[in-house]
Amino acid sequence: MKIKCANCDYMGEATLLQKGSRSKEIALWCCLFLPGLLYTLWRQSSDGRYMGCPQCKSAQFRRITRREWKDLERQGALKA
C-alpha cells in the first residue's frame, strides 16, 4: 500500500511493524519464563503488529490512490 506519512513526509510503501521492543522481550525471557512467553505471543499476534512508515515508525499516514501516485511519478515529485 502506498502512503504519505504525516510526520516525516515519506512517500512510498508502508511496512508491517511490531509494537514493543526486542530488548525488553529478551530481558523478560532471561528473567522469567511466563512473562517472556506472553510478551512474545502478544508481539506476534495481530494486536502487536501495525502498518506504518518505515522511516519514522509512525502509524499516522494517508493512503495514496493509484491515480495520485501516477500523477506524482509524472511530476517527478517522488525521490528515486
N, C-alpha and C. Protein backbone atom coordinates (compact mmCIF):
# COMPACT_ATOMS: atom_id res chain seq x y z
N MET A 1 0.85 -1.16 0.00
CA MET A 1 0.00 0.00 0.00
C MET A 1 0.90 1.23 0.00
N LYS A 2 0.59 2.17 -0.86
CA LYS A 2 1.36 3.42 -0.97
C LYS A 2 0.83 4.42 0.05
N ILE A 3 1.75 5.10 0.74
CA ILE A 3 1.35 6.02 1.80
C ILE A 3 2.11 7.34 1.71
N LYS A 4 1.57 8.34 2.40
CA LYS A 4 2.27 9.60 2.66
C LYS A 4 2.22 9.80 4.16
N CYS A 5 3.38 9.80 4.80
CA CYS A 5 3.47 9.90 6.26
C CYS A 5 3.17 11.34 6.70
N ALA A 6 2.39 11.46 7.76
CA ALA A 6 2.04 12.78 8.30
C ALA A 6 3.20 13.39 9.09
N ASN A 7 4.09 12.56 9.62
CA ASN A 7 5.20 13.07 10.46
C ASN A 7 6.43 13.46 9.66
N CYS A 8 6.88 12.58 8.75
CA CYS A 8 8.15 12.82 8.07
C CYS A 8 8.00 13.05 6.56
N ASP A 9 6.80 13.11 6.06
CA ASP A 9 6.51 13.33 4.64
C ASP A 9 7.08 12.25 3.72
N TYR A 10 7.30 11.05 4.24
CA TYR A 10 7.75 9.91 3.43
C TYR A 10 6.63 9.52 2.47
N MET A 11 6.98 9.22 1.23
CA MET A 11 6.02 8.70 0.26
C MET A 11 6.57 7.41 -0.30
N GLY A 12 5.81 6.33 -0.15
CA GLY A 12 6.24 5.03 -0.64
C GLY A 12 5.42 3.93 -0.02
N GLU A 13 6.01 2.76 0.07
CA GLU A 13 5.32 1.58 0.60
C GLU A 13 5.31 1.59 2.13
N ALA A 14 4.17 1.21 2.69
CA ALA A 14 4.07 1.02 4.14
C ALA A 14 4.67 -0.34 4.49
N THR A 15 5.14 -0.49 5.72
CA THR A 15 5.69 -1.77 6.16
C THR A 15 4.95 -2.26 7.39
N LEU A 16 5.03 -3.56 7.62
CA LEU A 16 4.41 -4.17 8.80
C LEU A 16 5.41 -4.07 9.95
N LEU A 17 5.03 -3.37 11.01
CA LEU A 17 5.92 -3.13 12.15
C LEU A 17 5.37 -3.82 13.39
N GLN A 18 6.25 -4.07 14.37
CA GLN A 18 5.84 -4.69 15.62
C GLN A 18 5.90 -3.68 16.75
N LYS A 19 4.90 -3.76 17.64
CA LYS A 19 4.91 -2.94 18.84
C LYS A 19 5.88 -3.57 19.84
N GLY A 20 6.29 -2.80 20.83
CA GLY A 20 7.19 -3.31 21.85
C GLY A 20 8.64 -3.26 21.39
N SER A 21 9.51 -3.87 22.19
CA SER A 21 10.93 -3.85 21.83
C SER A 21 11.55 -5.23 21.99
N ARG A 22 12.52 -5.51 21.15
CA ARG A 22 13.21 -6.79 21.18
C ARG A 22 14.02 -6.94 22.46
N SER A 23 14.65 -5.85 22.94
CA SER A 23 15.46 -5.95 24.16
C SER A 23 14.60 -6.26 25.39
N LYS A 24 13.41 -5.67 25.43
CA LYS A 24 12.50 -5.98 26.55
C LYS A 24 12.07 -7.44 26.49
N GLU A 25 11.84 -7.95 25.30
CA GLU A 25 11.44 -9.34 25.12
C GLU A 25 12.54 -10.29 25.61
N ILE A 26 13.78 -9.98 25.25
CA ILE A 26 14.91 -10.82 25.68
C ILE A 26 15.08 -10.77 27.19
N ALA A 27 14.95 -9.57 27.78
CA ALA A 27 15.08 -9.44 29.23
C ALA A 27 14.01 -10.25 29.95
N LEU A 28 12.78 -10.22 29.45
CA LEU A 28 11.71 -10.99 30.08
C LEU A 28 11.96 -12.49 29.96
N TRP A 29 12.49 -12.93 28.83
CA TRP A 29 12.81 -14.34 28.66
C TRP A 29 13.94 -14.77 29.61
N CYS A 30 14.91 -13.89 29.82
CA CYS A 30 16.04 -14.23 30.69
C CYS A 30 15.61 -14.28 32.16
N CYS A 31 14.74 -13.38 32.55
CA CYS A 31 14.34 -13.31 33.96
C CYS A 31 13.25 -14.32 34.31
N LEU A 32 12.20 -14.30 33.53
CA LEU A 32 11.05 -15.14 33.84
C LEU A 32 10.50 -15.77 32.58
N PHE A 33 10.09 -17.04 32.67
CA PHE A 33 9.61 -17.75 31.50
C PHE A 33 8.22 -17.29 31.06
N LEU A 34 7.26 -17.26 31.96
CA LEU A 34 5.88 -16.95 31.60
C LEU A 34 5.69 -15.53 31.05
N PRO A 35 6.22 -14.48 31.69
CA PRO A 35 6.07 -13.15 31.09
C PRO A 35 6.75 -13.04 29.73
N GLY A 36 7.89 -13.69 29.56
CA GLY A 36 8.57 -13.68 28.27
C GLY A 36 7.74 -14.34 27.19
N LEU A 37 7.11 -15.45 27.52
CA LEU A 37 6.25 -16.16 26.58
C LEU A 37 5.04 -15.31 26.21
N LEU A 38 4.39 -14.72 27.20
CA LEU A 38 3.21 -13.89 26.94
C LEU A 38 3.56 -12.67 26.10
N TYR A 39 4.68 -12.03 26.39
CA TYR A 39 5.12 -10.85 25.64
C TYR A 39 5.42 -11.22 24.18
N THR A 40 6.09 -12.35 23.97
CA THR A 40 6.39 -12.81 22.62
C THR A 40 5.12 -13.12 21.85
N LEU A 41 4.18 -13.79 22.49
CA LEU A 41 2.91 -14.12 21.83
C LEU A 41 2.14 -12.85 21.47
N TRP A 42 2.17 -11.85 22.35
CA TRP A 42 1.48 -10.59 22.06
C TRP A 42 2.11 -9.89 20.86
N ARG A 43 3.46 -9.85 20.81
CA ARG A 43 4.14 -9.18 19.69
C ARG A 43 3.88 -9.89 18.37
N GLN A 44 3.69 -11.20 18.40
CA GLN A 44 3.46 -11.97 17.18
C GLN A 44 1.99 -11.97 16.75
N SER A 45 1.09 -11.58 17.65
CA SER A 45 -0.34 -11.57 17.32
C SER A 45 -0.68 -10.35 16.48
N SER A 46 -1.91 -10.30 16.02
CA SER A 46 -2.35 -9.16 15.21
C SER A 46 -2.45 -7.88 16.04
N ASP A 47 -2.62 -7.99 17.36
CA ASP A 47 -2.66 -6.81 18.23
C ASP A 47 -1.28 -6.18 18.38
N GLY A 48 -0.23 -6.94 18.20
CA GLY A 48 1.12 -6.43 18.37
C GLY A 48 1.76 -5.96 17.08
N ARG A 49 1.01 -5.95 15.98
CA ARG A 49 1.56 -5.53 14.69
C ARG A 49 0.70 -4.42 14.11
N TYR A 50 1.32 -3.57 13.32
CA TYR A 50 0.60 -2.48 12.67
C TYR A 50 1.32 -2.06 11.40
N MET A 51 0.57 -1.45 10.49
CA MET A 51 1.16 -0.90 9.28
C MET A 51 1.65 0.51 9.60
N GLY A 52 2.85 0.84 9.13
CA GLY A 52 3.39 2.15 9.44
C GLY A 52 4.48 2.59 8.48
N CYS A 53 4.98 3.77 8.76
CA CYS A 53 6.04 4.37 7.96
C CYS A 53 7.37 3.67 8.27
N PRO A 54 8.13 3.25 7.25
CA PRO A 54 9.40 2.58 7.51
C PRO A 54 10.49 3.52 8.03
N GLN A 55 10.34 4.83 7.84
CA GLN A 55 11.38 5.76 8.30
C GLN A 55 11.20 6.15 9.75
N CYS A 56 10.00 6.60 10.13
CA CYS A 56 9.81 7.13 11.49
C CYS A 56 8.96 6.21 12.37
N LYS A 57 8.50 5.08 11.84
CA LYS A 57 7.72 4.08 12.58
C LYS A 57 6.37 4.61 13.06
N SER A 58 5.85 5.64 12.42
CA SER A 58 4.57 6.23 12.80
C SER A 58 3.42 5.50 12.12
N ALA A 59 2.30 5.45 12.82
CA ALA A 59 1.10 4.84 12.25
C ALA A 59 0.16 5.90 11.68
N GLN A 60 0.60 7.15 11.68
CA GLN A 60 -0.23 8.24 11.16
C GLN A 60 0.19 8.52 9.72
N PHE A 61 -0.62 8.06 8.79
CA PHE A 61 -0.33 8.26 7.38
C PHE A 61 -1.63 8.34 6.60
N ARG A 62 -1.48 8.77 5.35
CA ARG A 62 -2.62 8.84 4.45
C ARG A 62 -2.33 7.94 3.27
N ARG A 63 -3.30 7.12 2.90
CA ARG A 63 -3.13 6.27 1.73
C ARG A 63 -3.13 7.11 0.47
N ILE A 64 -2.27 6.76 -0.46
CA ILE A 64 -2.21 7.44 -1.73
C ILE A 64 -2.87 6.54 -2.77
N THR A 65 -3.83 7.10 -3.50
CA THR A 65 -4.51 6.31 -4.51
C THR A 65 -3.59 6.10 -5.71
N ARG A 66 -3.96 5.15 -6.53
CA ARG A 66 -3.16 4.84 -7.71
C ARG A 66 -3.04 6.06 -8.63
N ARG A 67 -4.13 6.78 -8.80
CA ARG A 67 -4.13 7.97 -9.66
C ARG A 67 -3.18 9.04 -9.11
N GLU A 68 -3.25 9.27 -7.79
CA GLU A 68 -2.33 10.25 -7.18
C GLU A 68 -0.88 9.83 -7.36
N TRP A 69 -0.60 8.54 -7.19
CA TRP A 69 0.77 8.02 -7.31
C TRP A 69 1.29 8.24 -8.73
N LYS A 70 0.46 7.94 -9.73
CA LYS A 70 0.88 8.13 -11.13
C LYS A 70 1.13 9.60 -11.42
N ASP A 71 0.29 10.49 -10.88
CA ASP A 71 0.50 11.93 -11.06
C ASP A 71 1.81 12.38 -10.45
N LEU A 72 2.12 11.88 -9.27
CA LEU A 72 3.37 12.22 -8.60
C LEU A 72 4.58 11.73 -9.39
N GLU A 73 4.46 10.52 -9.99
CA GLU A 73 5.54 9.99 -10.81
C GLU A 73 5.77 10.87 -12.03
N ARG A 74 4.69 11.29 -12.68
CA ARG A 74 4.81 12.13 -13.86
C ARG A 74 5.43 13.48 -13.53
N GLN A 75 5.09 14.02 -12.37
CA GLN A 75 5.62 15.34 -11.96
C GLN A 75 7.06 15.25 -11.48
N GLY A 76 7.52 14.04 -11.18
CA GLY A 76 8.88 13.87 -10.67
C GLY A 76 8.99 14.21 -9.20
N ALA A 77 7.87 14.15 -8.48
CA ALA A 77 7.86 14.51 -7.06
C ALA A 77 8.37 13.38 -6.17
N LEU A 78 8.52 12.20 -6.71
CA LEU A 78 8.97 11.05 -5.92
C LEU A 78 10.49 10.97 -5.93
N LYS A 79 11.06 10.68 -4.77
CA LYS A 79 12.52 10.52 -4.68
C LYS A 79 12.90 9.16 -5.23
N ALA A 80 14.01 9.09 -5.91
CA ALA A 80 14.47 7.82 -6.51
C ALA A 80 15.11 6.93 -5.50
